[in-house]
Protein backbone atom coordinates (compact mmCIF):
# COMPACT_ATOMS: atom_id res chain seq x y z
CA MET A 1 70.80 106.03 60.86
CA SER A 2 70.88 109.10 58.64
CA ALA A 3 73.90 110.63 56.92
CA GLY A 4 75.20 112.99 59.60
CA ARG A 5 74.65 110.74 62.57
CA SER A 6 77.20 108.86 64.57
CA SER A 7 77.28 105.13 64.92
CA LYS A 8 76.87 103.48 68.31
CA ALA A 9 80.62 103.59 68.92
CA GLY A 10 80.63 107.39 68.57
CA LYS A 11 82.30 107.31 65.18
CA PRO A 12 80.57 109.06 62.29
CA SER A 13 78.65 106.82 59.91
CA ARG A 14 80.40 105.87 56.70
CA SER A 15 78.07 108.12 54.71
CA ALA A 16 78.76 111.08 57.04
CA ALA A 17 82.50 110.46 56.81
CA ARG A 18 82.33 110.31 53.02
CA SER A 19 80.17 113.46 52.87
CA ALA A 20 82.71 115.34 54.97
CA ALA A 21 85.52 113.99 52.76
CA ARG A 22 83.68 115.25 49.67
CA GLN A 23 83.28 118.69 51.23
CA LEU A 24 87.00 118.85 52.01
CA THR A 25 87.83 117.58 48.53
CA MET A 26 85.65 120.23 46.90
CA GLN A 27 87.36 122.90 49.01
CA ALA A 28 90.81 121.51 48.15
CA LEU A 29 90.00 121.39 44.44
CA TYR A 30 88.72 124.95 44.59
CA GLN A 31 91.93 126.14 46.28
CA TRP A 32 94.04 124.19 43.79
CA GLN A 33 92.17 125.60 40.78
CA VAL A 34 92.07 129.21 41.98
CA GLY A 35 95.45 129.42 43.72
CA GLY A 36 97.45 127.20 41.41
CA ASN A 37 99.23 125.60 44.36
CA ASP A 38 100.53 122.05 44.40
CA MET A 39 97.77 119.72 45.57
CA GLN A 40 99.97 118.18 48.26
CA GLN A 41 100.45 121.65 49.76
CA VAL A 42 96.71 122.33 49.55
CA GLU A 43 95.93 119.02 51.26
CA MET A 44 98.44 119.73 54.04
CA HIS A 45 96.95 123.21 54.51
CA ILE A 46 93.45 121.77 54.83
CA ARG A 47 94.54 119.01 57.22
CA ALA A 48 96.13 121.68 59.45
CA ALA A 49 93.00 123.89 59.56
CA LEU A 50 92.09 125.36 62.91
CA PRO A 51 88.55 126.15 64.09
CA ASP A 52 87.19 129.47 62.85
CA ASP A 53 84.46 131.02 65.00
CA ASN A 54 83.61 133.46 62.18
CA LEU A 55 82.30 130.67 59.96
CA GLU A 56 79.13 128.63 60.01
CA ALA A 57 79.80 125.06 61.15
CA TYR A 58 79.22 123.66 57.65
CA GLU A 59 81.84 126.08 56.22
CA ASP A 60 84.48 125.39 58.87
CA ILE A 61 87.08 122.99 57.48
CA SER A 62 88.13 121.95 60.99
CA GLU A 63 84.58 120.69 61.65
CA ALA A 64 84.61 118.55 58.51
CA LEU A 65 88.04 117.20 59.45
CA LYS A 66 86.59 115.76 62.66
CA THR A 67 84.34 113.36 60.77
CA ALA A 68 85.90 113.00 57.32
CA ASP A 69 87.12 109.78 55.77
CA LEU A 70 90.62 111.17 55.31
CA ALA A 71 91.80 108.26 53.16
CA TYR A 72 88.97 108.97 50.71
CA PHE A 73 89.80 112.70 50.82
CA HIS A 74 93.47 111.94 50.09
CA GLU A 75 92.65 109.54 47.25
CA ILE A 76 90.47 112.00 45.39
CA THR A 77 92.55 115.12 46.00
CA GLN A 78 95.61 113.36 44.61
CA ALA A 79 93.84 111.63 41.71
CA VAL A 80 91.82 114.53 40.27
CA PRO A 81 94.82 116.72 39.33
CA ARG A 82 96.49 113.73 37.65
CA GLN A 83 93.31 112.91 35.73
CA GLN A 84 92.10 116.49 35.19
CA GLN A 85 92.12 116.42 31.40
CA ALA A 86 90.26 113.10 31.14
CA LEU A 87 87.73 114.15 33.79
CA ASP A 88 87.09 117.49 32.08
CA GLU A 89 86.68 115.71 28.74
CA SER A 90 84.18 113.30 30.30
CA PHE A 91 81.68 116.05 31.15
CA ALA A 92 82.63 118.74 28.59
CA PRO A 93 80.15 117.47 25.94
CA PHE A 94 77.28 118.18 28.34
CA LEU A 95 78.26 121.77 29.15
CA ASP A 96 76.69 124.90 27.70
CA ARG A 97 80.05 126.69 27.83
CA ARG A 98 83.75 125.84 27.86
CA VAL A 99 85.24 124.17 30.93
CA ASN A 100 87.45 127.20 31.68
CA GLU A 101 84.33 129.41 31.79
CA LEU A 102 82.70 127.44 34.62
CA ASP A 103 82.36 128.90 38.08
CA PRO A 104 85.28 127.50 40.16
CA ILE A 105 82.94 125.93 42.73
CA GLU A 106 80.89 124.23 40.01
CA LEU A 107 84.07 123.04 38.32
CA ALA A 108 85.43 121.57 41.55
CA ILE A 109 82.15 119.75 42.19
CA LEU A 110 81.94 118.48 38.62
CA ARG A 111 85.50 117.16 38.74
CA LEU A 112 84.79 115.45 42.06
CA GLY A 113 81.57 113.93 40.70
CA ALA A 114 83.19 112.90 37.42
CA TYR A 115 86.00 111.18 39.30
CA GLU A 116 83.59 109.23 41.47
CA LEU A 117 81.32 108.31 38.54
CA THR A 118 84.21 107.02 36.43
CA GLN A 119 86.60 105.64 39.05
CA ARG A 120 84.63 104.70 42.16
CA LEU A 121 82.21 102.11 40.85
CA ASP A 122 81.65 100.91 44.42
CA VAL A 123 79.70 104.13 45.10
CA PRO A 124 76.18 104.17 43.60
CA TYR A 125 75.71 106.83 40.95
CA ARG A 126 72.67 108.25 42.73
CA VAL A 127 74.73 108.82 45.88
CA ILE A 128 77.42 110.62 43.87
CA ILE A 129 74.93 112.90 42.14
CA ASN A 130 73.02 113.62 45.35
CA GLU A 131 76.21 114.50 47.22
CA ALA A 132 77.32 116.80 44.39
CA VAL A 133 73.92 118.50 44.34
CA GLU A 134 74.10 119.06 48.10
CA LEU A 135 77.58 120.61 47.76
CA GLY A 136 76.20 122.85 45.02
CA LYS A 137 73.34 123.96 47.26
CA ARG A 138 75.67 124.74 50.18
CA PHE A 139 78.59 126.33 48.38
CA GLY A 140 77.54 127.21 44.83
CA GLY A 141 75.50 129.96 43.29
CA THR A 142 71.72 130.12 43.31
CA ASP A 143 71.07 127.47 40.67
CA SER A 144 74.44 125.70 40.68
CA HIS A 145 72.93 122.55 42.11
CA LYS A 146 70.52 122.25 39.17
CA TYR A 147 73.32 122.71 36.65
CA ILE A 148 75.55 120.19 38.44
CA ASN A 149 72.66 117.70 38.62
CA GLY A 150 72.02 117.96 34.88
CA ILE A 151 75.65 117.54 33.88
CA LEU A 152 76.39 114.64 36.22
CA ASP A 153 73.14 112.90 35.32
CA LYS A 154 74.15 112.97 31.65
CA LEU A 155 77.64 111.73 32.51
CA ALA A 156 76.15 108.93 34.62
CA GLN A 157 74.04 107.83 31.63
CA ARG A 158 77.29 107.27 29.77
CA ALA A 159 79.66 106.15 32.55
CA ARG A 160 77.18 104.03 34.53
CA PHE A 161 74.91 102.75 31.78
CA VAL A 162 74.86 99.16 33.06
CA GLU A 163 74.07 100.24 36.64
CA ILE A 164 71.29 102.55 35.47
CA GLN A 165 69.78 99.90 33.20
CA ALA A 166 69.83 97.32 36.00
CA ARG A 167 68.04 99.76 38.28
CA ARG A 168 65.38 100.46 35.64
CA GLU A 169 64.83 96.75 35.01
CA LYS A 170 64.50 96.12 38.71
CA ARG A 171 61.70 98.70 38.95
CA THR A 172 59.68 97.14 36.13
């Protein structure tokens, strides 16, 4: 079963639910960063989203809400603002500019990816990076996904060293 498919019971697969949660989280982080609103208000606004016929399905928050793992969405949207400074410091050494000069979409995706890499050790690092790259392709600028991939890959080398080494040893 691939990532956007439903399971036999009609529920979205876990990977599809997590992907939708990441999309919602990226959108919430973007709104929080740009608007300066309290994250609880942003989360409530997103959870109350109505369908918008003027948007593509992948852009419509209400579509993502139908399949999202809302507990995962809630966890990350509440944790990232509390851990913002530590998360930013975790990837700042790998940037070619200051954190506050990043595109807001890239910053939201990097904070999401940094949180997962450092706090959600149950999620494989390759899944985290791939999901971030896909968000960059869908919502970021032309080469955002390449930039995000490079930064998160370097962070993974530091934050997930043991996991990466074990994977390399398994291949040899």
